[in-house]
Structure formats: structure tokens, C-alpha cells
């Protein structure tokens, strides 16, 4: 996990440099039930039990990033789920080797992102604000 490896700053930096806005972040130690709910769509996969056990092994830095096409581009920044198939320059391509020891999770759709945000964050923990750099990142419509 990225916090165990000292990578949180590097991961944040990649999203910030791309122009995305951090709207929520917290360091948490989730319960087994919480993680099983988060990964319930993978419960029939052979790696499921190992994934849950790995995620229970230390704190998790949960984050919410905002910006145009944040889910799709965020997955591009992360790289392929299998780090060995990830391009150099992606987070997984640079910092991971085994799928079972990936350093980051990224939602695979906007609908799943909404579900996952609701699972990890309480109402009011996701901030709404205009980033001072907004006009330097986005063209006016």
C-alpha cells in the first residue's frame, strides 16, 4: 500500500500536476466488512481473499479527485491493473510489480466512483471549492 511505501506524496503530485483537484482525503484503517463491501464485485475471483487481507495490513489513504474526465484519466495515470502491463510513467508501472501488491485503486466508472465515495466518506467530507488554478487549466466554455 502506498502509505507503507512512502508514496502518497508522489501519487498526489501526479494528479495535481495533471490539473486535478483534491477534494477529500483521509488516512483510515477499514474493517474487514468495509473492504468486503468495497470489493464485493470481485468476491468470486481467486485473488479476492488475498486482496482483502492485504488491504487490512495497514492504513489506507482514501482520496477523491475532481476534474474533467477524472475517472478515465485517473485510470490512465494509475496504469493497467496488472503492473507488469502498465507503461513506465504510470503509477503502477513505476511503483508496482504484482497485482496483489498494487499501490492504488481507481474507480472504473463514474457510477462506481460515486458508490465508492459514499462508502469511504461521510456527508460533508468531500469539499466543494474553486481551485485558484482553475482558469489556468480549463478553457472557458
N, C-alpha and C. Protein backbone atom coordinates (compact mmCIF):
# COMPACT_ATOMS: atom_id res chain seq x y z
N UNK A 1 0.84 -1.17 0.00
CA UNK A 1 0.00 0.00 0.00
C UNK A 1 0.88 1.23 0.00
N UNK A 2 0.43 2.26 -0.65
CA UNK A 2 1.28 3.43 -0.88
C UNK A 2 1.77 4.08 0.39
N UNK A 3 0.96 4.10 1.47
CA UNK A 3 1.42 4.73 2.70
C UNK A 3 2.52 3.93 3.37
N UNK A 4 2.49 2.61 3.23
CA UNK A 4 3.56 1.78 3.80
C UNK A 4 4.87 1.97 3.04
N UNK A 5 4.76 2.34 1.78
CA UNK A 5 5.95 2.50 0.94
C UNK A 5 6.40 3.95 0.81
N UNK A 6 5.68 4.87 1.44
CA UNK A 6 6.06 6.28 1.38
C UNK A 6 5.79 6.92 0.03
N UNK A 7 4.69 6.53 -0.63
CA UNK A 7 4.41 7.02 -1.97
C UNK A 7 3.24 7.99 -2.06
N UNK A 8 2.60 8.29 -0.95
CA UNK A 8 1.40 9.14 -1.00
C UNK A 8 1.72 10.48 -1.67
N UNK A 9 2.81 11.11 -1.29
CA UNK A 9 3.18 12.40 -1.87
C UNK A 9 3.39 12.32 -3.37
N UNK A 10 4.06 11.26 -3.83
CA UNK A 10 4.29 11.08 -5.26
C UNK A 10 2.98 10.89 -6.01
N UNK A 11 2.07 10.14 -5.43
CA UNK A 11 0.78 9.89 -6.07
C UNK A 11 -0.03 11.17 -6.15
N UNK A 12 -0.10 11.91 -5.05
CA UNK A 12 -0.81 13.19 -5.04
C UNK A 12 -0.20 14.12 -6.09
N UNK A 13 1.11 14.17 -6.14
CA UNK A 13 1.81 15.06 -7.07
C UNK A 13 1.43 14.78 -8.52
N UNK A 14 1.30 13.52 -8.89
CA UNK A 14 0.96 13.19 -10.28
C UNK A 14 -0.43 13.71 -10.66
N UNK A 15 -1.39 13.57 -9.74
CA UNK A 15 -2.73 14.06 -10.03
C UNK A 15 -2.75 15.59 -10.03
N UNK A 16 -2.05 16.21 -9.10
CA UNK A 16 -2.01 17.67 -9.06
C UNK A 16 -1.33 18.24 -10.30
N UNK A 17 -0.23 17.65 -10.71
CA UNK A 17 0.49 18.14 -11.89
C UNK A 17 -0.37 18.03 -13.15
N UNK A 18 -1.24 17.03 -13.19
CA UNK A 18 -2.13 16.88 -14.34
C UNK A 18 -3.22 17.95 -14.34
N UNK A 19 -3.50 18.52 -13.17
CA UNK A 19 -4.51 19.57 -13.08
C UNK A 19 -5.74 19.19 -12.30
N UNK A 20 -5.74 18.01 -11.68
CA UNK A 20 -6.90 17.58 -10.90
C UNK A 20 -6.87 18.20 -9.52
N UNK A 21 -8.06 18.33 -8.94
CA UNK A 21 -8.24 18.99 -7.65
C UNK A 21 -8.58 17.94 -6.60
N UNK A 22 -7.83 17.94 -5.50
CA UNK A 22 -8.09 17.05 -4.38
C UNK A 22 -9.22 17.65 -3.55
N UNK A 23 -10.33 16.90 -3.43
CA UNK A 23 -11.49 17.42 -2.70
C UNK A 23 -11.77 16.65 -1.41
N UNK A 24 -11.09 15.52 -1.21
CA UNK A 24 -11.23 14.77 0.04
C UNK A 24 -10.04 13.83 0.18
N UNK A 25 -9.60 13.67 1.45
CA UNK A 25 -8.51 12.73 1.73
C UNK A 25 -8.52 12.41 3.22
N UNK A 26 -8.30 11.13 3.54
CA UNK A 26 -8.15 10.74 4.94
C UNK A 26 -7.41 9.42 5.01
N UNK A 27 -6.68 9.26 6.10
CA UNK A 27 -5.97 8.02 6.39
C UNK A 27 -6.88 7.19 7.29
N UNK A 28 -7.20 5.99 6.84
CA UNK A 28 -8.17 5.15 7.56
C UNK A 28 -7.67 3.72 7.70
N UNK A 29 -8.19 3.05 8.70
CA UNK A 29 -7.97 1.61 8.87
C UNK A 29 -9.35 0.97 8.79
N UNK A 30 -9.75 0.53 7.59
CA UNK A 30 -11.10 0.00 7.43
C UNK A 30 -11.25 -1.39 8.05
N UNK A 31 -12.49 -1.74 8.33
CA UNK A 31 -12.79 -3.09 8.84
C UNK A 31 -12.82 -4.08 7.68
N UNK A 32 -12.78 -5.35 8.02
CA UNK A 32 -12.88 -6.39 7.01
C UNK A 32 -14.22 -6.27 6.28
N UNK A 33 -15.30 -6.01 7.02
CA UNK A 33 -16.62 -5.85 6.39
C UNK A 33 -16.63 -4.70 5.38
N UNK A 34 -15.98 -3.60 5.74
CA UNK A 34 -15.90 -2.44 4.86
C UNK A 34 -15.20 -2.81 3.54
N UNK A 35 -14.07 -3.48 3.67
CA UNK A 35 -13.31 -3.87 2.48
C UNK A 35 -14.06 -4.91 1.64
N UNK A 36 -14.73 -5.83 2.29
CA UNK A 36 -15.52 -6.83 1.56
C UNK A 36 -16.65 -6.16 0.78
N UNK A 37 -17.23 -5.11 1.34
CA UNK A 37 -18.27 -4.36 0.62
C UNK A 37 -17.65 -3.62 -0.56
N UNK A 38 -16.50 -3.00 -0.34
CA UNK A 38 -15.82 -2.26 -1.41
C UNK A 38 -15.49 -3.18 -2.59
N UNK A 39 -15.01 -4.37 -2.29
CA UNK A 39 -14.57 -5.30 -3.34
C UNK A 39 -15.58 -6.41 -3.62
N UNK A 40 -16.85 -6.22 -3.27
CA UNK A 40 -17.85 -7.28 -3.42
C UNK A 40 -17.99 -7.78 -4.86
N UNK A 41 -17.73 -6.91 -5.84
CA UNK A 41 -17.82 -7.33 -7.24
C UNK A 41 -16.70 -8.31 -7.63
N UNK A 42 -15.68 -8.43 -6.80
CA UNK A 42 -14.56 -9.34 -7.07
C UNK A 42 -14.60 -10.60 -6.19
N UNK A 43 -15.67 -10.75 -5.43
CA UNK A 43 -15.71 -11.83 -4.42
C UNK A 43 -15.60 -13.23 -5.01
N UNK A 44 -15.88 -13.40 -6.29
CA UNK A 44 -15.77 -14.73 -6.90
C UNK A 44 -14.39 -14.98 -7.54
N UNK A 45 -13.51 -13.99 -7.46
CA UNK A 45 -12.18 -14.11 -8.06
C UNK A 45 -11.23 -14.84 -7.11
N UNK A 46 -10.27 -15.59 -7.65
CA UNK A 46 -9.35 -16.35 -6.80
C UNK A 46 -8.46 -15.48 -5.92
N UNK A 47 -8.23 -14.24 -6.31
CA UNK A 47 -7.35 -13.36 -5.54
C UNK A 47 -8.09 -12.54 -4.47
N UNK A 48 -9.41 -12.68 -4.38
CA UNK A 48 -10.23 -11.86 -3.50
C UNK A 48 -9.79 -11.90 -2.04
N UNK A 49 -9.64 -13.09 -1.47
CA UNK A 49 -9.28 -13.21 -0.05
C UNK A 49 -7.91 -12.58 0.22
N UNK A 50 -6.98 -12.80 -0.68
CA UNK A 50 -5.65 -12.21 -0.52
C UNK A 50 -5.70 -10.69 -0.64
N UNK A 51 -6.54 -10.18 -1.52
CA UNK A 51 -6.68 -8.73 -1.68
C UNK A 51 -7.22 -8.10 -0.40
N UNK A 52 -8.27 -8.70 0.15
CA UNK A 52 -8.85 -8.17 1.38
C UNK A 52 -7.82 -8.24 2.51
N UNK A 53 -7.12 -9.35 2.63
CA UNK A 53 -6.10 -9.50 3.68
C UNK A 53 -5.00 -8.44 3.51
N UNK A 54 -4.55 -8.21 2.29
CA UNK A 54 -3.53 -7.20 2.03
C UNK A 54 -4.02 -5.81 2.41
N UNK A 55 -5.25 -5.49 2.06
CA UNK A 55 -5.80 -4.18 2.36
C UNK A 55 -6.01 -3.97 3.86
N UNK A 56 -6.12 -5.07 4.60
CA UNK A 56 -6.25 -4.98 6.06
C UNK A 56 -4.90 -4.82 6.76
N UNK A 57 -3.79 -4.94 6.02
CA UNK A 57 -2.46 -4.99 6.63
C UNK A 57 -1.92 -3.64 7.07
N UNK A 58 -2.61 -2.57 6.77
CA UNK A 58 -2.13 -1.26 7.18
C UNK A 58 -3.13 -0.18 6.83
N UNK A 59 -2.83 1.06 7.16
CA UNK A 59 -3.76 2.13 6.85
C UNK A 59 -3.87 2.38 5.35
N UNK A 60 -5.00 2.96 4.99
CA UNK A 60 -5.30 3.29 3.59
C UNK A 60 -5.50 4.80 3.50
N UNK A 61 -4.91 5.41 2.51
CA UNK A 61 -5.12 6.83 2.25
C UNK A 61 -6.20 6.94 1.17
N UNK A 62 -7.41 7.26 1.60
CA UNK A 62 -8.54 7.40 0.66
C UNK A 62 -8.57 8.83 0.15
N UNK A 63 -8.75 8.99 -1.16
CA UNK A 63 -8.76 10.31 -1.78
C UNK A 63 -9.88 10.41 -2.80
N UNK A 64 -10.34 11.64 -3.01
CA UNK A 64 -11.29 11.95 -4.07
C UNK A 64 -10.70 13.09 -4.89
N UNK A 65 -10.59 12.83 -6.19
CA UNK A 65 -10.05 13.82 -7.12
C UNK A 65 -11.17 14.29 -8.03
N UNK A 66 -11.12 15.56 -8.40
CA UNK A 66 -12.15 16.15 -9.24
C UNK A 66 -11.53 16.84 -10.44
N UNK A 67 -12.23 16.78 -11.56
CA UNK A 67 -11.79 17.46 -12.77
C UNK A 67 -12.37 16.78 -13.98
N UNK A 68 -12.21 17.40 -15.12
CA UNK A 68 -12.75 16.87 -16.37
C UNK A 68 -12.20 15.48 -16.66
N UNK A 69 -13.10 14.53 -16.88
CA UNK A 69 -12.75 13.13 -17.18
C UNK A 69 -11.84 12.53 -16.11
N UNK A 70 -12.08 12.88 -14.86
CA UNK A 70 -11.20 12.44 -13.77
C UNK A 70 -11.13 10.92 -13.64
N UNK A 71 -12.25 10.22 -13.86
CA UNK A 71 -12.23 8.76 -13.72
C UNK A 71 -11.40 8.13 -14.83
N UNK A 72 -11.68 8.49 -16.07
CA UNK A 72 -10.95 7.90 -17.19
C UNK A 72 -9.47 8.27 -17.15
N UNK A 73 -9.19 9.54 -16.99
CA UNK A 73 -7.80 9.98 -16.99
C UNK A 73 -7.07 9.50 -15.74
N UNK A 74 -7.79 9.43 -14.63
CA UNK A 74 -7.19 8.90 -13.41
C UNK A 74 -6.71 7.47 -13.60
N UNK A 75 -7.50 6.68 -14.30
CA UNK A 75 -7.09 5.30 -14.57
C UNK A 75 -5.87 5.27 -15.50
N UNK A 76 -5.80 6.22 -16.41
CA UNK A 76 -4.61 6.32 -17.27
C UNK A 76 -3.37 6.67 -16.44
N UNK A 77 -3.53 7.58 -15.48
CA UNK A 77 -2.43 7.96 -14.61
C UNK A 77 -1.98 6.77 -13.77
N UNK A 78 -2.95 5.98 -13.30
CA UNK A 78 -2.63 4.80 -12.49
C UNK A 78 -1.94 3.72 -13.30
N UNK A 79 -2.38 3.49 -14.53
CA UNK A 79 -1.85 2.42 -15.36
C UNK A 79 -2.72 1.18 -15.27
N UNK A 80 -2.37 0.17 -16.01
CA UNK A 80 -3.14 -1.08 -16.06
C UNK A 80 -3.16 -1.74 -14.69
N UNK A 81 -4.25 -2.47 -14.42
CA UNK A 81 -4.38 -3.16 -13.13
C UNK A 81 -3.20 -4.08 -12.88
N UNK A 82 -2.75 -4.77 -13.90
CA UNK A 82 -1.55 -5.61 -13.79
C UNK A 82 -0.34 -4.69 -13.99
N UNK A 83 0.42 -4.45 -12.94
CA UNK A 83 1.55 -3.52 -13.05
C UNK A 83 2.55 -3.90 -14.15
N UNK A 84 2.70 -5.20 -14.43
CA UNK A 84 3.64 -5.61 -15.47
C UNK A 84 3.16 -5.22 -16.86
N UNK A 85 1.86 -4.93 -16.99
CA UNK A 85 1.30 -4.46 -18.25
C UNK A 85 1.17 -2.95 -18.29
N UNK A 86 1.56 -2.28 -17.20
CA UNK A 86 1.46 -0.82 -17.12
C UNK A 86 2.68 -0.17 -17.75
N UNK A 87 2.44 0.91 -18.45
CA UNK A 87 3.54 1.63 -19.08
C UNK A 87 4.39 2.36 -18.05
N UNK A 88 5.68 2.47 -18.30
CA UNK A 88 6.52 3.33 -17.46
C UNK A 88 5.93 4.74 -17.49
N UNK A 89 6.01 5.43 -16.38
CA UNK A 89 5.41 6.76 -16.29
C UNK A 89 4.05 6.75 -15.62
N UNK A 90 3.43 5.55 -15.52
CA UNK A 90 2.19 5.43 -14.76
C UNK A 90 2.56 5.07 -13.33
N UNK A 91 1.63 5.28 -12.41
CA UNK A 91 1.92 4.97 -11.01
C UNK A 91 2.21 3.49 -10.84
N UNK A 92 1.36 2.63 -11.38
CA UNK A 92 1.58 1.19 -11.24
C UNK A 92 2.80 0.74 -12.03
N UNK A 93 3.04 1.35 -13.18
CA UNK A 93 4.21 0.99 -13.98
C UNK A 93 5.51 1.35 -13.31
N UNK A 94 5.48 2.39 -12.50
CA UNK A 94 6.69 2.84 -11.82
C UNK A 94 6.88 2.24 -10.43
N UNK A 95 5.77 1.90 -9.74
CA UNK A 95 5.89 1.55 -8.33
C UNK A 95 5.37 0.16 -7.95
N UNK A 96 4.90 -0.63 -8.89
CA UNK A 96 4.33 -1.94 -8.51
C UNK A 96 4.83 -3.03 -9.46
N UNK A 97 4.78 -4.26 -8.97
CA UNK A 97 5.18 -5.42 -9.76
C UNK A 97 4.06 -6.45 -9.79
N UNK A 98 3.52 -6.80 -8.62
CA UNK A 98 2.48 -7.81 -8.52
C UNK A 98 1.10 -7.18 -8.37
N UNK A 99 0.10 -7.76 -9.05
CA UNK A 99 -1.28 -7.28 -8.95
C UNK A 99 -1.74 -7.26 -7.49
N UNK A 100 -1.38 -8.27 -6.74
CA UNK A 100 -1.78 -8.37 -5.35
C UNK A 100 -1.09 -7.39 -4.42
N UNK A 101 -0.18 -6.59 -4.97
CA UNK A 101 0.52 -5.58 -4.18
C UNK A 101 0.46 -4.22 -4.88
N UNK A 102 -0.63 -3.98 -5.58
CA UNK A 102 -0.83 -2.69 -6.24
C UNK A 102 -0.82 -1.58 -5.23
N UNK A 103 -0.36 -0.41 -5.60
CA UNK A 103 -0.25 0.70 -4.66
C UNK A 103 -1.46 1.62 -4.68
N UNK A 104 -2.35 1.46 -5.65
CA UNK A 104 -3.50 2.36 -5.78
C UNK A 104 -4.71 1.62 -6.31
N UNK A 105 -5.86 2.15 -5.96
CA UNK A 105 -7.13 1.73 -6.55
C UNK A 105 -7.72 2.94 -7.24
N UNK A 106 -8.35 2.72 -8.37
CA UNK A 106 -9.06 3.79 -9.05
C UNK A 106 -10.40 3.27 -9.53
N UNK A 107 -11.45 4.05 -9.31
CA UNK A 107 -12.78 3.65 -9.75
C UNK A 107 -12.78 3.44 -11.26
N UNK A 108 -13.56 2.45 -11.72
CA UNK A 108 -13.58 2.14 -13.15
C UNK A 108 -14.72 2.79 -13.91
N UNK A 109 -15.60 3.51 -13.22
CA UNK A 109 -16.69 4.23 -13.88
C UNK A 109 -17.15 5.34 -12.94
N UNK A 110 -17.86 6.30 -13.50
CA UNK A 110 -18.38 7.39 -12.69
C UNK A 110 -19.38 6.86 -11.67
N UNK A 111 -20.23 5.90 -12.08
CA UNK A 111 -21.19 5.32 -11.14
C UNK A 111 -20.50 4.63 -9.98
N UNK A 112 -19.46 3.85 -10.28
CA UNK A 112 -18.72 3.18 -9.21
C UNK A 112 -17.98 4.19 -8.34
N UNK A 113 -17.49 5.27 -8.94
CA UNK A 113 -16.81 6.31 -8.15
C UNK A 113 -17.79 6.90 -7.13
N UNK A 114 -19.00 7.16 -7.55
CA UNK A 114 -20.00 7.72 -6.62
C UNK A 114 -20.27 6.75 -5.48
N UNK A 115 -20.43 5.45 -5.80
CA UNK A 115 -20.65 4.44 -4.76
C UNK A 115 -19.47 4.36 -3.80
N UNK A 116 -18.26 4.37 -4.36
CA UNK A 116 -17.07 4.25 -3.53
C UNK A 116 -16.85 5.49 -2.66
N UNK A 117 -17.13 6.66 -3.20
CA UNK A 117 -17.02 7.89 -2.41
C UNK A 117 -17.99 7.81 -1.23
N UNK A 118 -19.23 7.38 -1.50
CA UNK A 118 -20.22 7.25 -0.42
C UNK A 118 -19.80 6.21 0.62
N UNK A 119 -19.07 5.18 0.19
CA UNK A 119 -18.62 4.14 1.10
C UNK A 119 -17.48 4.63 2.01
N UNK A 120 -16.60 5.45 1.47
CA UNK A 120 -15.40 5.86 2.20
C UNK A 120 -15.52 7.20 2.91
N UNK A 121 -16.44 8.06 2.46
CA UNK A 121 -16.53 9.40 3.02
C UNK A 121 -17.94 9.71 3.50
N UNK A 122 -18.01 10.40 4.64
CA UNK A 122 -19.28 10.86 5.21
C UNK A 122 -19.72 12.14 4.49
N UNK A 123 -20.99 12.42 4.59
CA UNK A 123 -21.52 13.66 4.03
C UNK A 123 -20.75 14.84 4.64
N UNK A 124 -20.32 15.76 3.82
CA UNK A 124 -19.58 16.92 4.28
C UNK A 124 -18.08 16.77 4.25
N UNK A 125 -17.58 15.56 4.04
CA UNK A 125 -16.12 15.36 3.99
C UNK A 125 -15.55 15.63 2.60
N UNK A 126 -16.39 15.64 1.57
CA UNK A 126 -15.94 15.96 0.21
C UNK A 126 -16.23 17.44 0.00
N UNK A 127 -15.17 18.21 -0.17
CA UNK A 127 -15.29 19.67 -0.25
C UNK A 127 -15.65 20.14 -1.64
N UNK A 128 -16.30 21.28 -1.68
CA UNK A 128 -16.60 21.96 -2.94
C UNK A 128 -15.94 23.33 -2.88
N UNK A 129 -15.05 23.59 -3.82
CA UNK A 129 -14.36 24.88 -3.87
C UNK A 129 -13.78 25.06 -5.27
N UNK A 130 -13.49 26.30 -5.61
CA UNK A 130 -12.85 26.58 -6.89
C UNK A 130 -11.35 26.69 -6.66
N UNK A 131 -10.62 25.87 -7.34
CA UNK A 131 -9.16 25.89 -7.27
C UNK A 131 -8.66 27.19 -7.89
N UNK A 132 -7.70 27.83 -7.25
CA UNK A 132 -7.15 29.08 -7.76
C UNK A 132 -6.54 28.92 -9.16
N UNK A 133 -6.14 27.70 -9.51
CA UNK A 133 -5.51 27.44 -10.81
C UNK A 133 -6.53 27.09 -11.90
N UNK A 134 -7.81 27.05 -11.55
CA UNK A 134 -8.85 26.59 -12.47
C UNK A 134 -8.75 27.26 -13.84
N UNK A 135 -8.66 28.58 -13.89
CA UNK A 135 -8.63 29.29 -15.18
C UNK A 135 -7.34 29.05 -15.97
N UNK A 136 -6.31 28.53 -15.30
CA UNK A 136 -5.07 28.20 -15.99
C UNK A 136 -5.09 26.77 -16.53
N UNK A 137 -6.07 25.99 -16.09
CA UNK A 137 -6.17 24.59 -16.50
C UNK A 137 -7.26 24.38 -17.55
N UNK A 138 -8.39 25.08 -17.37
CA UNK A 138 -9.55 24.86 -18.24
C UNK A 138 -9.85 26.10 -19.08
N UNK A 139 -10.21 25.85 -20.35
CA UNK A 139 -10.69 26.92 -21.20
C UNK A 139 -12.11 27.27 -20.79
N UNK A 140 -12.49 28.48 -21.01
CA UNK A 140 -13.87 28.87 -20.71
C UNK A 140 -14.79 28.24 -21.76
N UNK A 141 -15.97 27.81 -21.33
CA UNK A 141 -16.91 27.18 -22.30
C UNK A 141 -17.39 28.13 -23.34
